Structures are given as structure tokens and as C-alpha cells.
Amino acid sequence: MIKIGRHLPPKSSTNPRPSKRQKITTTDPSREPRLCTSPSLLPVADHTPSSPSSKPGKSPKPAPPSFTEVDSLRKQAEPYRLAVAELPIHLLDSSWSRSSNKPLDRNHSAHLCRSFQNGGLARRAEQHYIQVSCSAAAVEKMIINALPDTDTDQSHIQDQRQHVLSFRNWAGFIDERPELMAGQHRIEALRDYVKHVF
């Protein structure tokens, strides 16, 4: 790797021979060579260690990529969770309003469908919950519609958010479609599973 922009080092009195990378300017043949002190910039090799067996003509190996640890999508989304609810899968939208979702891999969906057929769904396990994105107003409207008519106290609404709610009648009250944040392959596999079983 080459860095551009480092100034030449000042003349050193301890080493009479300059290194190979420094410019040598001779002003008079009778005088000994001196270092050039012009303010020009020279390419300077990066100080990355190279293996001793590498040949001088080869460029050094690039440093291995560094990885940054990040939390899972589930953990990142936790502070923004509005509720845990059951929703009909036909209402879920796998196209995103911001950015774009990865393309659906039919082979992966088929593999998941076979896993569902052989091992069951286990859909009540929390690690298998599918995360979706929707507006807070839509969730609040669904919670209020689930409560008895006389009970719209905010503390009861907050209590309802702690339980698994039923939003099976989502389409009857809400116009927006919840967007899948992740799990489009599981949803597609579930659709195929339902076709095979029922």
C-alpha cells in the first residue's frame, strides 16, 4: 500500500548513507551527496509488516478485513417494539418502503418448507417470531379495538402491549400493510407448507 502526502525526513547526521527511497541531489561532483530538502511529497510505503519470504517485486498482502460486532436485527429492533401479535401472513409485505429487500431464494424457501414438514413449525417459540414494521398509530388502533368499549385507559393499553395480541382482523381496521423486516423466506415456506398440509 502506498500513502501519498508524507514530507521527506530531515537530514540525519548519524547515517551518512541515505535510504533507497530518499532523493539524492548532487550540486558539485567534488562534494558528497546531500538529501533534497524541497517541500515535495514522495510516496512512502505503509508500515505494514510483510513476510520475510516475500520477493521485493511483489506487493505486500493486504491486511485481513476487520469485523465489527453488531447486535442481531431482533436486538436492534427491541427498543422500538410496539407489540407482539398474531397477524395473517397474507397481509405481510416483503417489499420495503425504504431500501430494498434481498431477492427471494426459492431453494431456501423449499428447504425451510421441508424442515417445517419434518420438524413442525414451533411458531410459538419467541426466537421464531417474525419482525414487521408498521406505524405506532396502527398498533394503538388495533389494541383499542381489542379492548372492551368502556376501557380505553392508557395503562390498560400499555398492559396489552406485554401480551401476545390477536391482530387477525387487521385488514378490517387498518389500511397499511406491515412490512417484513426479516423472514421473507420463512413466510414463503409457511405459505407452501399450508398448501401441502391443508
C-alpha atoms as a PDB file:
ATOM      1  CA  MET A   1       0.000   0.000   0.000  1.00  0.00           C
ATOM      2  CA  ILE A   2       1.279   3.474  -0.757  1.00  0.00           C
ATOM      3  CA  LYS A   3       0.473   6.591   1.191  1.00  0.00           C
ATOM      4  CA  ILE A   4       0.890   9.932  -0.516  1.00  0.00           C
ATOM      5  CA  GLY A   5       1.458  13.045   1.496  1.00  0.00           C
ATOM      6  CA  ARG A   6       4.282  12.459   3.940  1.00  0.00           C
ATOM      7  CA  HIS A   7       7.134  15.025   3.845  1.00  0.00           C
ATOM      8  CA  LEU A   8      10.707  13.859   3.435  1.00  0.00           C
ATOM      9  CA  PRO A   9      12.526  13.301   6.738  1.00  0.00           C
ATOM     10  CA  PRO A  10      15.201  15.843   7.740  1.00  0.00           C
ATOM     11  CA  LYS A  11      18.883  15.042   7.113  1.00  0.00           C
ATOM     12  CA  SER A  12      20.299  12.680   9.707  1.00  0.00           C
ATOM     13  CA  SER A  13      23.901  13.142  10.809  1.00  0.00           C
ATOM     14  CA  THR A  14      24.194   9.617  12.239  1.00  0.00           C
ATOM     15  CA  ASN A  15      23.723   7.791   8.928  1.00  0.00           C
ATOM     16  CA  PRO A  16      25.903   9.147   6.094  1.00  0.00           C
ATOM     17  CA  ARG A  17      24.199   6.909   3.517  1.00  0.00           C
ATOM     18  CA  PRO A  18      20.609   7.831   2.654  1.00  0.00           C
ATOM     19  CA  SER A  19      17.999   5.113   2.312  1.00  0.00           C
ATOM     20  CA  LYS A  20      16.874   3.939  -1.134  1.00  0.00           C
ATOM     21  CA  ARG A  21      13.619   5.930  -1.007  1.00  0.00           C
ATOM     22  CA  GLN A  22      15.210   9.330  -0.423  1.00  0.00           C
ATOM     23  CA  LYS A  23      16.204  11.647  -3.266  1.00  0.00           C
ATOM     24  CA  ILE A  24      19.865  12.409  -3.661  1.00  0.00           C
ATOM     25  CA  THR A  25      20.890  15.652  -5.260  1.00  0.00           C
ATOM     26  CA  THR A  26      24.481  16.338  -6.213  1.00  0.00           C
ATOM     27  CA  THR A  27      25.310  20.009  -6.591  1.00  0.00           C
ATOM     28  CA  ASP A  28      29.052  19.687  -7.100  1.00  0.00           C
ATOM     29  CA  PRO A  29      30.806  16.450  -8.090  1.00  0.00           C
ATOM     30  CA  SER A  30      33.576  17.129  -5.583  1.00  0.00           C
ATOM     31  CA  ARG A  31      31.132  17.364  -2.704  1.00  0.00           C
ATOM     32  CA  GLU A  32      29.433  14.430  -1.132  1.00  0.00           C
ATOM     33  CA  PRO A  33      25.725  13.861  -1.920  1.00  0.00           C
ATOM     34  CA  ARG A  34      23.127  15.510   0.297  1.00  0.00           C
ATOM     35  CA  LEU A  35      19.435  14.944   0.901  1.00  0.00           C
ATOM     36  CA  CYS A  36      16.952  17.019  -1.040  1.00  0.00           C
ATOM     37  CA  THR A  37      15.029  19.319   1.314  1.00  0.00           C
ATOM     38  CA  SER A  38      12.386  20.534  -1.112  1.00  0.00           C
ATOM     39  CA  PRO A  39       8.813  20.516   0.220  1.00  0.00           C
ATOM     40  CA  SER A  40       7.725  17.983  -2.407  1.00  0.00           C
ATOM     41  CA  LEU A  41       5.897  14.869  -1.318  1.00  0.00           C
ATOM     42  CA  LEU A  42       7.029  11.355  -2.050  1.00  0.00           C
ATOM     43  CA  PRO A  43       5.123   8.099  -1.937  1.00  0.00           C
ATOM     44  CA  VAL A  44       6.039   6.331   1.283  1.00  0.00           C
ATOM     45  CA  ALA A  45       5.434   2.636   1.862  1.00  0.00           C
ATOM     46  CA  ASP A  46       2.939   1.874   4.594  1.00  0.00           C
ATOM     47  CA  HIS A  47       4.424   0.325   7.699  1.00  0.00           C
ATOM     48  CA  THR A  48       2.559  -2.969   7.383  1.00  0.00           C
ATOM     49  CA  PRO A  49       4.732  -5.969   8.158  1.00  0.00           C
ATOM     50  CA  SER A  50       5.420  -8.289   5.280  1.00  0.00           C
ATOM     51  CA  SER A  51       6.596 -11.862   5.395  1.00  0.00           C
ATOM     52  CA  PRO A  52      10.374 -12.319   5.095  1.00  0.00           C
ATOM     53  CA  SER A  53       9.939 -14.779   2.233  1.00  0.00           C
ATOM     54  CA  SER A  54       8.173 -12.254   0.010  1.00  0.00           C
ATOM     55  CA  LYS A  55      10.067 -11.149  -3.061  1.00  0.00           C
ATOM     56  CA  PRO A  56      10.952  -7.459  -3.453  1.00  0.00           C
ATOM     57  CA  GLY A  57       8.913  -7.106  -6.662  1.00  0.00           C
ATOM     58  CA  LYS A  58       5.670  -8.348  -5.109  1.00  0.00           C
ATOM     59  CA  SER A  59       3.286  -6.046  -3.319  1.00  0.00           C
ATOM     60  CA  PRO A  60       2.576  -6.927   0.316  1.00  0.00           C
ATOM     61  CA  LYS A  61      -0.545  -8.897   1.149  1.00  0.00           C
ATOM     62  CA  PRO A  62      -3.495  -6.733   2.154  1.00  0.00           C
ATOM     63  CA  ALA A  63      -4.422  -6.774   5.811  1.00  0.00           C
ATOM     64  CA  PRO A  64      -7.259  -9.154   6.669  1.00  0.00           C
ATOM     65  CA  PRO A  65     -10.650  -7.446   6.860  1.00  0.00           C
ATOM     66  CA  SER A  66     -11.662  -6.316  10.298  1.00  0.00           C
ATOM     67  CA  PHE A  67     -15.109  -7.232  11.542  1.00  0.00           C
ATOM     68  CA  THR A  68     -17.318  -5.087  13.687  1.00  0.00           C
ATOM     69  CA  GLU A  69     -19.580  -6.879  16.119  1.00  0.00           C
ATOM     70  CA  VAL A  70     -23.186  -5.748  15.821  1.00  0.00           C
ATOM     71  CA  ASP A  71     -26.313  -6.909  17.554  1.00  0.00           C
ATOM     72  CA  SER A  72     -28.842  -9.056  15.748  1.00  0.00           C
ATOM     73  CA  LEU A  73     -31.760  -7.417  13.998  1.00  0.00           C
ATOM     74  CA  ARG A  74     -34.018  -8.645  16.798  1.00  0.00           C
ATOM     75  CA  LYS A  75     -31.856  -6.973  19.447  1.00  0.00           C
ATOM     76  CA  GLN A  76     -31.547  -3.741  17.449  1.00  0.00           C
ATOM     77  CA  ALA A  77     -35.326  -3.541  16.993  1.00  0.00           C
ATOM     78  CA  GLU A  78     -36.220  -4.300  20.628  1.00  0.00           C
ATOM     79  CA  PRO A  79     -36.352  -0.653  21.835  1.00  0.00           C
ATOM     80  CA  TYR A  80     -38.816   0.099  19.014  1.00  0.00           C
ATOM     81  CA  ARG A  81     -41.142  -2.863  19.622  1.00  0.00           C
ATOM     82  CA  LEU A  82     -44.765  -1.773  19.794  1.00  0.00           C
ATOM     83  CA  ALA A  83     -46.420  -5.141  20.424  1.00  0.00           C
ATOM     84  CA  VAL A  84     -46.260  -8.879  19.861  1.00  0.00           C
ATOM     85  CA  ALA A  85     -49.245 -10.027  17.847  1.00  0.00           C
ATOM     86  CA  GLU A  86     -50.581 -12.716  15.551  1.00  0.00           C
ATOM     87  CA  LEU A  87     -51.160 -11.487  12.012  1.00  0.00           C
ATOM     88  CA  PRO A  88     -52.430 -13.277   8.907  1.00  0.00           C
ATOM     89  CA  ILE A  89     -49.434 -13.945   6.667  1.00  0.00           C
ATOM     90  CA  HIS A  90     -51.204 -12.770   3.515  1.00  0.00           C
ATOM     91  CA  LEU A  91     -51.148  -9.219   4.939  1.00  0.00           C
ATOM     92  CA  LEU A  92     -47.367  -9.087   5.266  1.00  0.00           C
ATOM     93  CA  ASP A  93     -45.482  -7.127   2.614  1.00  0.00           C
ATOM     94  CA  SER A  94     -41.953  -8.238   1.706  1.00  0.00           C
ATOM     95  CA  SER A  95     -41.176  -5.111  -0.343  1.00  0.00           C
ATOM     96  CA  TRP A  96     -39.720  -2.288   1.705  1.00  0.00           C
ATOM     97  CA  SER A  97     -40.687   1.376   1.563  1.00  0.00           C
ATOM     98  CA  ARG A  98     -37.061   2.277   2.385  1.00  0.00           C
ATOM     99  CA  SER A  99     -34.185   0.451   0.737  1.00  0.00           C
ATOM    100  CA  SER A 100     -34.779  -2.909  -0.918  1.00  0.00           C
ATOM    101  CA  ASN A 101     -35.148  -6.425   0.384  1.00  0.00           C
ATOM    102  CA  LYS A 102     -32.928  -9.207  -0.914  1.00  0.00           C
ATOM    103  CA  PRO A 103     -34.456 -11.337  -3.675  1.00  0.00           C
ATOM    104  CA  LEU A 104     -36.417 -14.417  -2.699  1.00  0.00           C
ATOM    105  CA  ASP A 105     -34.400 -17.643  -2.980  1.00  0.00           C
ATOM    106  CA  ARG A 106     -36.870 -20.417  -3.878  1.00  0.00           C
ATOM    107  CA  ASN A 107     -34.381 -23.159  -2.957  1.00  0.00           C
ATOM    108  CA  HIS A 108     -34.011 -21.753   0.552  1.00  0.00           C
ATOM    109  CA  SER A 109     -37.798 -21.477   0.935  1.00  0.00           C
ATOM    110  CA  ALA A 110     -38.214 -25.097  -0.234  1.00  0.00           C
ATOM    111  CA  HIS A 111     -35.587 -26.227   2.288  1.00  0.00           C
ATOM    112  CA  LEU A 112     -37.423 -24.394   5.085  1.00  0.00           C
ATOM    113  CA  CYS A 113     -40.743 -25.904   3.974  1.00  0.00           C
ATOM    114  CA  ARG A 114     -39.235 -29.409   4.230  1.00  0.00           C
ATOM    115  CA  SER A 115     -37.953 -28.504   7.701  1.00  0.00           C
ATOM    116  CA  PHE A 116     -41.470 -27.444   8.707  1.00  0.00           C
ATOM    117  CA  GLN A 117     -42.894 -30.721   7.363  1.00  0.00           C
ATOM    118  CA  ASN A 118     -40.312 -32.851   9.169  1.00  0.00           C
ATOM    119  CA  GLY A 119     -39.934 -30.964  12.436  1.00  0.00           C
ATOM    120  CA  GLY A 120     -43.059 -28.873  12.856  1.00  0.00           C
ATOM    121  CA  LEU A 121     -43.421 -25.121  12.927  1.00  0.00           C
ATOM    122  CA  ALA A 122     -42.594 -24.249  16.558  1.00  0.00           C
ATOM    123  CA  ARG A 123     -44.118 -20.857  15.827  1.00  0.00           C
ATOM    124  CA  ARG A 124     -44.912 -20.099  19.473  1.00  0.00           C
ATOM    125  CA  ALA A 125     -41.221 -20.033  20.400  1.00  0.00           C
ATOM    126  CA  GLU A 126     -40.078 -16.429  20.798  1.00  0.00           C
ATOM    127  CA  GLN A 127     -36.916 -16.936  18.740  1.00  0.00           C
ATOM    128  CA  HIS A 128     -39.159 -17.781  15.762  1.00  0.00           C
ATOM    129  CA  TYR A 129     -41.219 -14.587  15.922  1.00  0.00           C
ATOM    130  CA  ILE A 130     -41.080 -12.615  12.699  1.00  0.00           C
ATOM    131  CA  GLN A 131     -40.458  -8.903  12.974  1.00  0.00           C
ATOM    132  CA  VAL A 132     -42.514  -6.475  10.965  1.00  0.00           C
ATOM    133  CA  SER A 133     -42.603  -2.714  10.705  1.00  0.00           C
ATOM    134  CA  CYS A 134     -45.767  -0.625  10.868  1.00  0.00           C
ATOM    135  CA  SER A 135     -46.921   2.669  12.321  1.00  0.00           C
ATOM    136  CA  ALA A 136     -47.468   3.159  16.050  1.00  0.00           C
ATOM    137  CA  ALA A 137     -50.894   4.631  15.269  1.00  0.00           C
ATOM    138  CA  ALA A 138     -51.964   1.403  13.555  1.00  0.00           C
ATOM    139  CA  VAL A 139     -50.882  -0.731  16.519  1.00  0.00           C
ATOM    140  CA  GLU A 140     -52.604   1.554  19.011  1.00  0.00           C
ATOM    141  CA  LYS A 141     -55.797   1.462  16.934  1.00  0.00           C
ATOM    142  CA  MET A 142     -55.694  -2.356  16.903  1.00  0.00           C
ATOM    143  CA  ILE A 143     -55.131  -2.503  20.675  1.00  0.00           C
ATOM    144  CA  ILE A 144     -58.003  -0.095  21.329  1.00  0.00           C
ATOM    145  CA  ASN A 145     -60.279  -2.158  19.060  1.00  0.00           C
ATOM    146  CA  ALA A 146     -59.349  -5.287  21.023  1.00  0.00           C
ATOM    147  CA  LEU A 147     -60.324  -3.709  24.369  1.00  0.00           C
ATOM    148  CA  PRO A 148     -63.907  -3.515  25.642  1.00  0.00           C
ATOM    149  CA  ASP A 149     -65.664  -0.294  24.553  1.00  0.00           C
ATOM    150  CA  THR A 150     -65.502   1.274  28.020  1.00  0.00           C
ATOM    151  CA  ASP A 151     -61.825   0.502  28.640  1.00  0.00           C
ATOM    152  CA  THR A 152     -59.534   2.938  26.789  1.00  0.00           C
ATOM    153  CA  ASP A 153     -57.314   3.738  29.786  1.00  0.00           C
ATOM    154  CA  GLN A 154     -53.657   4.179  28.725  1.00  0.00           C
ATOM    155  CA  SER A 155     -52.427   1.834  31.484  1.00  0.00           C
ATOM    156  CA  HIS A 156     -54.596  -0.981  30.068  1.00  0.00           C
ATOM    157  CA  ILE A 157     -53.293  -0.258  26.573  1.00  0.00           C
ATOM    158  CA  GLN A 158     -49.738  -0.492  27.949  1.00  0.00           C
ATOM    159  CA  ASP A 159     -50.602  -3.799  29.706  1.00  0.00           C
ATOM    160  CA  GLN A 160     -51.922  -5.225  26.433  1.00  0.00           C
ATOM    161  CA  ARG A 161     -48.580  -4.495  24.725  1.00  0.00           C
ATOM    162  CA  GLN A 162     -46.904  -7.019  27.072  1.00  0.00           C
ATOM    163  CA  HIS A 163     -49.031  -9.954  25.842  1.00  0.00           C
ATOM    164  CA  VAL A 164     -49.330 -11.735  22.505  1.00  0.00           C
ATOM    165  CA  LEU A 165     -52.249  -9.961  20.868  1.00  0.00           C
ATOM    166  CA  SER A 166     -54.522 -11.093  18.079  1.00  0.00           C
ATOM    167  CA  PHE A 167     -54.422  -8.794  15.059  1.00  0.00           C
ATOM    168  CA  ARG A 168     -56.183 -11.318  12.833  1.00  0.00           C
ATOM    169  CA  ASN A 169     -58.763  -8.689  11.866  1.00  0.00           C
ATOM    170  CA  TRP A 170     -56.051  -6.146  10.904  1.00  0.00           C
ATOM    171  CA  ALA A 171     -57.436  -5.680   7.372  1.00  0.00           C
ATOM    172  CA  GLY A 172     -60.847  -4.682   8.779  1.00  0.00           C
ATOM    173  CA  PHE A 173     -59.419  -1.689  10.667  1.00  0.00           C
ATOM    174  CA  ILE A 174     -56.083  -0.723   9.115  1.00  0.00           C
ATOM    175  CA  ASP A 175     -55.261   0.224   5.511  1.00  0.00           C
ATOM    176  CA  GLU A 176     -51.469  -0.162   5.731  1.00  0.00           C
ATOM    177  CA  ARG A 177     -49.663  -3.465   5.258  1.00  0.00           C
ATOM    178  CA  PRO A 178     -46.974  -4.403   7.799  1.00  0.00           C
ATOM    179  CA  GLU A 179     -43.532  -4.701   6.167  1.00  0.00           C
ATOM    180  CA  LEU A 180     -41.374  -7.744   6.863  1.00  0.00           C
ATOM    181  CA  MET A 181     -38.083  -6.648   8.396  1.00  0.00           C
ATOM    182  CA  ALA A 182     -36.676 -10.157   8.036  1.00  0.00           C
ATOM    183  CA  GLY A 183     -38.103 -13.608   7.459  1.00  0.00           C
ATOM    184  CA  GLN A 184     -39.472 -13.444   3.928  1.00  0.00           C
ATOM    185  CA  HIS A 185     -38.143 -16.957   3.259  1.00  0.00           C
ATOM    186  CA  ARG A 186     -39.916 -18.307   6.350  1.00  0.00           C
ATOM    187  CA  ILE A 187     -43.170 -16.665   5.273  1.00  0.00           C
ATOM    188  CA  GLU A 188     -42.890 -18.115   1.757  1.00  0.00           C
ATOM    189  CA  ALA A 189     -42.057 -21.544   3.223  1.00  0.00           C
ATOM    190  CA  LEU A 190     -45.072 -21.265   5.531  1.00  0.00           C
ATOM    191  CA  ARG A 191     -47.335 -20.476   2.567  1.00  0.00           C
ATOM    192  CA  ASP A 192     -46.029 -23.576   0.754  1.00  0.00           C
ATOM    193  CA  TYR A 193     -46.404 -25.653   3.917  1.00  0.00           C
ATOM    194  CA  VAL A 194     -50.056 -24.612   4.270  1.00  0.00           C
ATOM    195  CA  LYS A 195     -50.706 -25.599   0.627  1.00  0.00           C
ATOM    196  CA  HIS A 196     -49.230 -29.076   1.221  1.00  0.00           C
ATOM    197  CA  VAL A 197     -50.903 -29.740   4.576  1.00  0.00           C
ATOM    198  CA  PHE A 198     -54.382 -28.297   4.071  1.00  0.00           C
END
